[in-house]
PDB file of N, CA and C in Angstrom:
ATOM      1  N   MET A   1     -16.755   5.516 -27.486  1.00  0.00           N
ATOM      2  CA  MET A   1     -15.765   5.369 -26.449  1.00  0.00           C
ATOM      3  C   MET A   1     -15.184   3.955 -26.531  1.00  0.00           C
ATOM      4  N   SER A   2     -13.885   3.867 -26.448  1.00  0.00           N
ATOM      5  CA  SER A   2     -13.249   2.562 -26.540  1.00  0.00           C
ATOM      6  C   SER A   2     -12.847   2.067 -25.160  1.00  0.00           C
ATOM      7  N   GLN A   3     -12.868   0.771 -25.017  1.00  0.00           N
ATOM      8  CA  GLN A   3     -12.438   0.159 -23.772  1.00  0.00           C
ATOM      9  C   GLN A   3     -11.037  -0.375 -23.960  1.00  0.00           C
ATOM     10  N   THR A   4     -10.221  -0.204 -22.946  1.00  0.00           N
ATOM     11  CA  THR A   4      -8.887  -0.790 -22.993  1.00  0.00           C
ATOM     12  C   THR A   4      -8.867  -1.993 -22.080  1.00  0.00           C
ATOM     13  N   SER A   5      -8.276  -3.049 -22.553  1.00  0.00           N
ATOM     14  CA  SER A   5      -8.153  -4.245 -21.725  1.00  0.00           C
ATOM     15  C   SER A   5      -6.704  -4.693 -21.724  1.00  0.00           C
ATOM     16  N   ARG A   6      -6.314  -5.240 -20.626  1.00  0.00           N
ATOM     17  CA  ARG A   6      -4.940  -5.730 -20.514  1.00  0.00           C
ATOM     18  C   ARG A   6      -4.836  -7.102 -21.161  1.00  0.00           C
ATOM     19  N   SER A   7      -3.793  -7.287 -21.892  1.00  0.00           N
ATOM     20  CA  SER A   7      -3.554  -8.555 -22.548  1.00  0.00           C
ATOM     21  C   SER A   7      -3.103  -9.591 -21.519  1.00  0.00           C
ATOM     22  N   THR A   8      -3.565 -10.805 -21.686  1.00  0.00           N
ATOM     23  CA  THR A   8      -3.112 -11.885 -20.820  1.00  0.00           C
ATOM     24  C   THR A   8      -2.005 -12.694 -21.488  1.00  0.00           C
ATOM     25  N   SER A   9      -1.629 -12.296 -22.691  1.00  0.00           N
ATOM     26  CA  SER A   9      -0.570 -13.010 -23.390  1.00  0.00           C
ATOM     27  C   SER A   9       0.783 -12.653 -22.785  1.00  0.00           C
ATOM     28  N   PRO A  10       1.774 -13.527 -22.927  1.00  0.00           N
ATOM     29  CA  PRO A  10       3.094 -13.266 -22.359  1.00  0.00           C
ATOM     30  C   PRO A  10       3.719 -11.995 -22.928  1.00  0.00           C
ATOM     31  N   VAL A  11       4.406 -11.276 -22.070  1.00  0.00           N
ATOM     32  CA  VAL A  11       5.112 -10.069 -22.469  1.00  0.00           C
ATOM     33  C   VAL A  11       6.587 -10.374 -22.681  1.00  0.00           C
ATOM     34  N   VAL A  12       7.128 -11.277 -21.875  1.00  0.00           N
ATOM     35  CA  VAL A  12       8.556 -11.570 -21.888  1.00  0.00           C
ATOM     36  C   VAL A  12       8.778 -13.079 -21.909  1.00  0.00           C
ATOM     37  N   LEU A  13       9.762 -13.490 -22.701  1.00  0.00           N
ATOM     38  CA  LEU A  13      10.180 -14.887 -22.769  1.00  0.00           C
ATOM     39  C   LEU A  13      11.604 -14.959 -22.249  1.00  0.00           C
ATOM     40  N   LEU A  14      11.878 -15.911 -21.369  1.00  0.00           N
ATOM     41  CA  LEU A  14      13.243 -16.174 -20.930  1.00  0.00           C
ATOM     42  C   LEU A  14      13.727 -17.435 -21.617  1.00  0.00           C
ATOM     43  N   ARG A  15      14.900 -17.351 -22.230  1.00  0.00           N
ATOM     44  CA  ARG A  15      15.546 -18.534 -22.795  1.00  0.00           C
ATOM     45  C   ARG A  15      16.690 -18.863 -21.849  1.00  0.00           C
ATOM     46  N   ILE A  16      16.579 -19.981 -21.162  1.00  0.00           N
ATOM     47  CA  ILE A  16      17.500 -20.365 -20.100  1.00  0.00           C
ATOM     48  C   ILE A  16      18.328 -21.543 -20.601  1.00  0.00           C
ATOM     49  N   SER A  17      19.666 -21.422 -20.504  1.00  0.00           N
ATOM     50  CA  SER A  17      20.531 -22.447 -21.070  1.00  0.00           C
ATOM     51  C   SER A  17      21.688 -22.783 -20.131  1.00  0.00           C
ATOM     52  N   ASP A  18      22.083 -24.058 -20.140  1.00  0.00           N
ATOM     53  CA  ASP A  18      23.281 -24.471 -19.414  1.00  0.00           C
ATOM     54  C   ASP A  18      24.410 -24.808 -20.384  1.00  0.00           C
ATOM     55  N   GLY A  19      24.213 -24.527 -21.656  1.00  0.00           N
ATOM     56  CA  GLY A  19      25.223 -24.799 -22.672  1.00  0.00           C
ATOM     57  C   GLY A  19      24.893 -26.002 -23.532  1.00  0.00           C
ATOM     58  N   SER A  20      24.199 -26.963 -22.988  1.00  0.00           N
ATOM     59  CA  SER A  20      23.835 -28.141 -23.772  1.00  0.00           C
ATOM     60  C   SER A  20      22.323 -28.334 -23.862  1.00  0.00           C
ATOM     61  N   PHE A  21      21.595 -27.680 -23.015  1.00  0.00           N
ATOM     62  CA  PHE A  21      20.142 -27.805 -22.963  1.00  0.00           C
ATOM     63  C   PHE A  21      19.560 -26.428 -22.709  1.00  0.00           C
ATOM     64  N   HIS A  22      18.407 -26.140 -23.313  1.00  0.00           N
ATOM     65  CA  HIS A  22      17.749 -24.868 -22.999  1.00  0.00           C
ATOM     66  C   HIS A  22      16.254 -25.068 -22.823  1.00  0.00           C
ATOM     67  N   MET A  23      15.674 -24.154 -22.070  1.00  0.00           N
ATOM     68  CA  MET A  23      14.228 -24.177 -21.850  1.00  0.00           C
ATOM     69  C   MET A  23      13.714 -22.745 -21.901  1.00  0.00           C
ATOM     70  N   HIS A  24      12.415 -22.606 -22.016  1.00  0.00           N
ATOM     71  CA  HIS A  24      11.785 -21.292 -22.081  1.00  0.00           C
ATOM     72  C   HIS A  24      10.785 -21.141 -20.945  1.00  0.00           C
ATOM     73  N   ARG A  25      10.696 -19.921 -20.423  1.00  0.00           N
ATOM     74  CA  ARG A  25       9.650 -19.558 -19.460  1.00  0.00           C
ATOM     75  C   ARG A  25       9.055 -18.247 -19.933  1.00  0.00           C
ATOM     76  N   THR A  26       7.758 -18.090 -19.807  1.00  0.00           N
ATOM     77  CA  THR A  26       7.095 -16.859 -20.224  1.00  0.00           C
ATOM     78  C   THR A  26       6.499 -16.148 -19.018  1.00  0.00           C
ATOM     79  N   PHE A  27       6.476 -14.831 -19.107  1.00  0.00           N
ATOM     80  CA  PHE A  27       5.971 -13.991 -18.031  1.00  0.00           C
ATOM     81  C   PHE A  27       5.124 -12.876 -18.615  1.00  0.00           C
ATOM     82  N   SER A  28       4.073 -12.507 -17.916  1.00  0.00           N
ATOM     83  CA  SER A  28       3.288 -11.348 -18.316  1.00  0.00           C
ATOM     84  C   SER A  28       3.666 -10.140 -17.459  1.00  0.00           C
ATOM     85  N   ASP A  29       4.506 -10.338 -16.445  1.00  0.00           N
ATOM     86  CA  ASP A  29       4.974  -9.263 -15.581  1.00  0.00           C
ATOM     87  C   ASP A  29       6.483  -9.091 -15.772  1.00  0.00           C
ATOM     88  N   PHE A  30       6.903  -7.920 -16.257  1.00  0.00           N
ATOM     89  CA  PHE A  30       8.311  -7.681 -16.576  1.00  0.00           C
ATOM     90  C   PHE A  30       9.198  -7.791 -15.337  1.00  0.00           C
ATOM     91  N   ALA A  31       8.777  -7.195 -14.226  1.00  0.00           N
ATOM     92  CA  ALA A  31       9.596  -7.224 -13.008  1.00  0.00           C
ATOM     93  C   ALA A  31       9.808  -8.655 -12.518  1.00  0.00           C
ATOM     94  N   GLN A  32       8.794  -9.481 -12.597  1.00  0.00           N
ATOM     95  CA  GLN A  32       8.932 -10.879 -12.195  1.00  0.00           C
ATOM     96  C   GLN A  32       9.876 -11.617 -13.137  1.00  0.00           C
ATOM     97  N   ALA A  33       9.830 -11.291 -14.419  1.00  0.00           N
ATOM     98  CA  ALA A  33      10.739 -11.907 -15.388  1.00  0.00           C
ATOM     99  C   ALA A  33      12.189 -11.559 -15.064  1.00  0.00           C
ATOM    100  N   VAL A  34      12.450 -10.304 -14.696  1.00  0.00           N
ATOM    101  CA  VAL A  34      13.806  -9.884 -14.338  1.00  0.00           C
ATOM    102  C   VAL A  34      14.276 -10.628 -13.088  1.00  0.00           C
ATOM    103  N   ARG A  35      13.431 -10.713 -12.066  1.00  0.00           N
ATOM    104  CA  ARG A  35      13.809 -11.429 -10.849  1.00  0.00           C
ATOM    105  C   ARG A  35      14.101 -12.900 -11.136  1.00  0.00           C
ATOM    106  N   SER A  36      13.296 -13.509 -11.975  1.00  0.00           N
ATOM    107  CA  SER A  36      13.506 -14.909 -12.328  1.00  0.00           C
ATOM    108  C   SER A  36      14.798 -15.079 -13.122  1.00  0.00           C
ATOM    109  N   ALA A  37      15.047 -14.187 -14.067  1.00  0.00           N
ATOM    110  CA  ALA A  37      16.282 -14.250 -14.867  1.00  0.00           C
ATOM    111  C   ALA A  37      17.507 -14.114 -13.973  1.00  0.00           C
ATOM    112  N   GLU A  38      17.465 -13.191 -13.028  1.00  0.00           N
ATOM    113  CA  GLU A  38      18.587 -13.010 -12.102  1.00  0.00           C
ATOM    114  C   GLU A  38      18.792 -14.252 -11.242  1.00  0.00           C
ATOM    115  N   ALA A  39      17.709 -14.890 -10.826  1.00  0.00           N
ATOM    116  CA  ALA A  39      17.817 -16.110 -10.024  1.00  0.00           C
ATOM    117  C   ALA A  39      18.435 -17.251 -10.831  1.00  0.00           C
ATOM    118  N   TYR A  40      17.985 -17.428 -12.078  1.00  0.00           N
ATOM    119  CA  TYR A  40      18.567 -18.470 -12.934  1.00  0.00           C
ATOM    120  C   TYR A  40      20.045 -18.193 -13.195  1.00  0.00           C
ATOM    121  N   ALA A  41      20.398 -16.934 -13.460  1.00  0.00           N
ATOM    122  CA  ALA A  41      21.799 -16.592 -13.692  1.00  0.00           C
ATOM    123  C   ALA A  41      22.625 -16.850 -12.435  1.00  0.00           C
ATOM    124  N   GLY A  42      22.061 -16.529 -11.278  1.00  0.00           N
ATOM    125  CA  GLY A  42      22.749 -16.790 -10.019  1.00  0.00           C
ATOM    126  C   GLY A  42      22.978 -18.267  -9.764  1.00  0.00           C
ATOM    127  N   ALA A  43      22.130 -19.105 -10.352  1.00  0.00           N
ATOM    128  CA  ALA A  43      22.277 -20.556 -10.216  1.00  0.00           C
ATOM    129  C   ALA A  43      23.196 -21.149 -11.284  1.00  0.00           C
ATOM    130  N   GLY A  44      23.765 -20.284 -12.148  1.00  0.00           N
ATOM    131  CA  GLY A  44      24.736 -20.763 -13.124  1.00  0.00           C
ATOM    132  C   GLY A  44      24.245 -20.902 -14.549  1.00  0.00           C
ATOM    133  N   PHE A  45      23.062 -20.398 -14.862  1.00  0.00           N
ATOM    134  CA  PHE A  45      22.516 -20.499 -16.207  1.00  0.00           C
ATOM    135  C   PHE A  45      22.732 -19.208 -16.998  1.00  0.00           C
ATOM    136  N   LEU A  46      22.835 -19.332 -18.301  1.00  0.00           N
ATOM    137  CA  LEU A  46      22.865 -18.200 -19.205  1.00  0.00           C
ATOM    138  C   LEU A  46      21.425 -17.905 -19.596  1.00  0.00           C
ATOM    139  N   VAL A  47      20.987 -16.652 -19.462  1.00  0.00           N
ATOM    140  CA  VAL A  47      19.591 -16.296 -19.693  1.00  0.00           C
ATOM    141  C   VAL A  47      19.501 -15.156 -20.689  1.00  0.00           C
ATOM    142  N   ALA A  48      18.639 -15.312 -21.685  1.00  0.00           N
ATOM    143  CA  ALA A  48      18.320 -14.238 -22.625  1.00  0.00           C
ATOM    144  C   ALA A  48      16.867 -13.855 -22.408  1.00  0.00           C
ATOM    145  N   MET A  49      16.617 -12.561 -22.267  1.00  0.00           N
ATOM    146  CA  MET A  49      15.262 -12.051 -22.111  1.00  0.00           C
ATOM    147  C   MET A  49      14.819 -11.510 -23.463  1.00  0.00           C
ATOM    148  N   ILE A  50      13.682 -12.002 -23.958  1.00  0.00           N
ATOM    149  CA  ILE A  50      13.191 -11.690 -25.299  1.00  0.00           C
ATOM    150  C   ILE A  50      11.751 -11.207 -25.201  1.00  0.00           C
ATOM    151  N   SER A  51      11.418 -10.164 -25.969  1.00  0.00           N
ATOM    152  CA  SER A  51      10.040  -9.663 -25.951  1.00  0.00           C
ATOM    153  C   SER A  51       9.126 -10.639 -26.680  1.00  0.00           C
ATOM    154  N   ALA A  52       7.831 -10.465 -26.516  1.00  0.00           N
ATOM    155  CA  ALA A  52       6.855 -11.332 -27.178  1.00  0.00           C
ATOM    156  C   ALA A  52       6.938 -11.217 -28.691  1.00  0.00           C
ATOM    157  N   THR A  53       7.500 -10.112 -29.177  1.00  0.00           N
ATOM    158  CA  THR A  53       7.650  -9.934 -30.624  1.00  0.00           C
ATOM    159  C   THR A  53       8.969 -10.493 -31.148  1.00  0.00           C
ATOM    160  N   GLY A  54       9.811 -11.048 -30.253  1.00  0.00           N
ATOM    161  CA  GLY A  54      11.055 -11.671 -30.670  1.00  0.00           C
ATOM    162  C   GLY A  54      12.282 -10.796 -30.548  1.00  0.00           C
ATOM    163  N   ARG A  55      12.149  -9.602 -30.003  1.00  0.00           N
ATOM    164  CA  ARG A  55      13.279  -8.680 -29.870  1.00  0.00           C
ATOM    165  C   ARG A  55      14.071  -8.997 -28.602  1.00  0.00           C
ATOM    166  N   PHE A  56      15.396  -9.107 -28.747  1.00  0.00           N
ATOM    167  CA  PHE A  56      16.268  -9.330 -27.596  1.00  0.00           C
ATOM    168  C   PHE A  56      16.214  -8.096 -26.699  1.00  0.00           C
ATOM    169  N   LEU A  57      15.949  -8.306 -25.415  1.00  0.00           N
ATOM    170  CA  LEU A  57      15.856  -7.193 -24.474  1.00  0.00           C
ATOM    171  C   LEU A  57      17.077  -7.077 -23.580  1.00  0.00           C
ATOM    172  N   MET A  58      17.510  -8.207 -23.023  1.00  0.00           N
ATOM    173  CA  MET A  58      18.571  -8.174 -22.034  1.00  0.00           C
ATOM    174  C   MET A  58      19.138  -9.572 -21.872  1.00  0.00           C
ATOM    175  N   GLY A  59      20.387  -9.654 -21.499  1.00  0.00           N
ATOM    176  CA  GLY A  59      21.000 -10.943 -21.234  1.00  0.00           C
ATOM    177  C   GLY A  59      21.563 -10.991 -19.829  1.00  0.00           C
ATOM    178  N   PHE A  60      21.663 -12.178 -19.279  1.00  0.00           N
ATOM    179  CA  PHE A  60      22.194 -12.379 -17.938  1.00  0.00           C
ATOM    180  C   PHE A  60      23.239 -13.487 -18.016  1.00  0.00           C
ATOM    181  N   ASN A  61      24.464 -13.166 -17.621  1.00  0.00           N
ATOM    182  CA  ASN A  61      25.518 -14.163 -17.576  1.00  0.00           C
ATOM    183  C   ASN A  61      25.443 -14.932 -16.268  1.00  0.00           C
ATOM    184  N   PRO A  62      25.888 -16.176 -16.284  1.00  0.00           N
ATOM    185  CA  PRO A  62      25.893 -16.938 -15.040  1.00  0.00           C
ATOM    186  C   PRO A  62      26.718 -16.250 -13.958  1.00  0.00           C
ATOM    187  N   ARG A  63      26.095 -15.996 -12.834  1.00  0.00           N
ATOM    188  CA  ARG A  63      26.717 -15.413 -11.632  1.00  0.00           C
ATOM    189  C   ARG A  63      27.302 -14.023 -11.822  1.00  0.00           C
ATOM    190  N   ASP A  64      27.359 -13.475 -13.045  1.00  0.00           N
ATOM    191  CA  ASP A  64      27.986 -12.174 -13.276  1.00  0.00           C
ATOM    192  C   ASP A  64      26.979 -11.031 -13.338  1.00  0.00           C
ATOM    193  N   GLY A  65      25.735 -11.322 -13.585  1.00  0.00           N
ATOM    194  CA  GLY A  65      24.740 -10.270 -13.675  1.00  0.00           C
ATOM    195  C   GLY A  65      24.332  -9.972 -15.102  1.00  0.00           C
ATOM    196  N   ARG A  66      23.779  -8.777 -15.302  1.00  0.00           N
ATOM    197  CA  ARG A  66      23.229  -8.396 -16.600  1.00  0.00           C
ATOM    198  C   ARG A  66      24.299  -8.049 -17.611  1.00  0.00           C
ATOM    199  N   ILE A  67      23.968  -8.313 -18.868  1.00  0.00           N
ATOM    200  CA  ILE A  67      24.785  -7.820 -19.981  1.00  0.00           C
ATOM    201  C   ILE A  67      23.893  -6.932 -20.835  1.00  0.00           C
ATOM    202  N   ALA A  68      24.467  -5.938 -21.438  1.00  0.00           N
ATOM    203  CA  ALA A  68      23.687  -4.965 -22.208  1.00  0.00           C
ATOM    204  C   ALA A  68      23.040  -5.621 -23.412  1.00  0.00           C
ATOM    205  N   GLY A  69      21.892  -5.049 -23.801  1.00  0.00           N
ATOM    206  CA  GLY A  69      21.174  -5.601 -24.936  1.00  0.00           C
ATOM    207  C   GLY A  69      20.884  -4.596 -25.977  1.00  0.00           C
TER     208      GLY A  69
END
């Protein structure tokens, strides 16, 4: 019988940029990552949501909301 354990490693990376500077935040909870991305976009930042494997998941334009990925 195998045991399943939840990974504590990040599931989602946010790349947050104002055009001249960028920073990264990592999340292990997808819903929290989306809420954070929406908040950063609402504050005027461009946000890219990337999976832990490096795949682009979703983008958020400043103040405009989500863009398809």
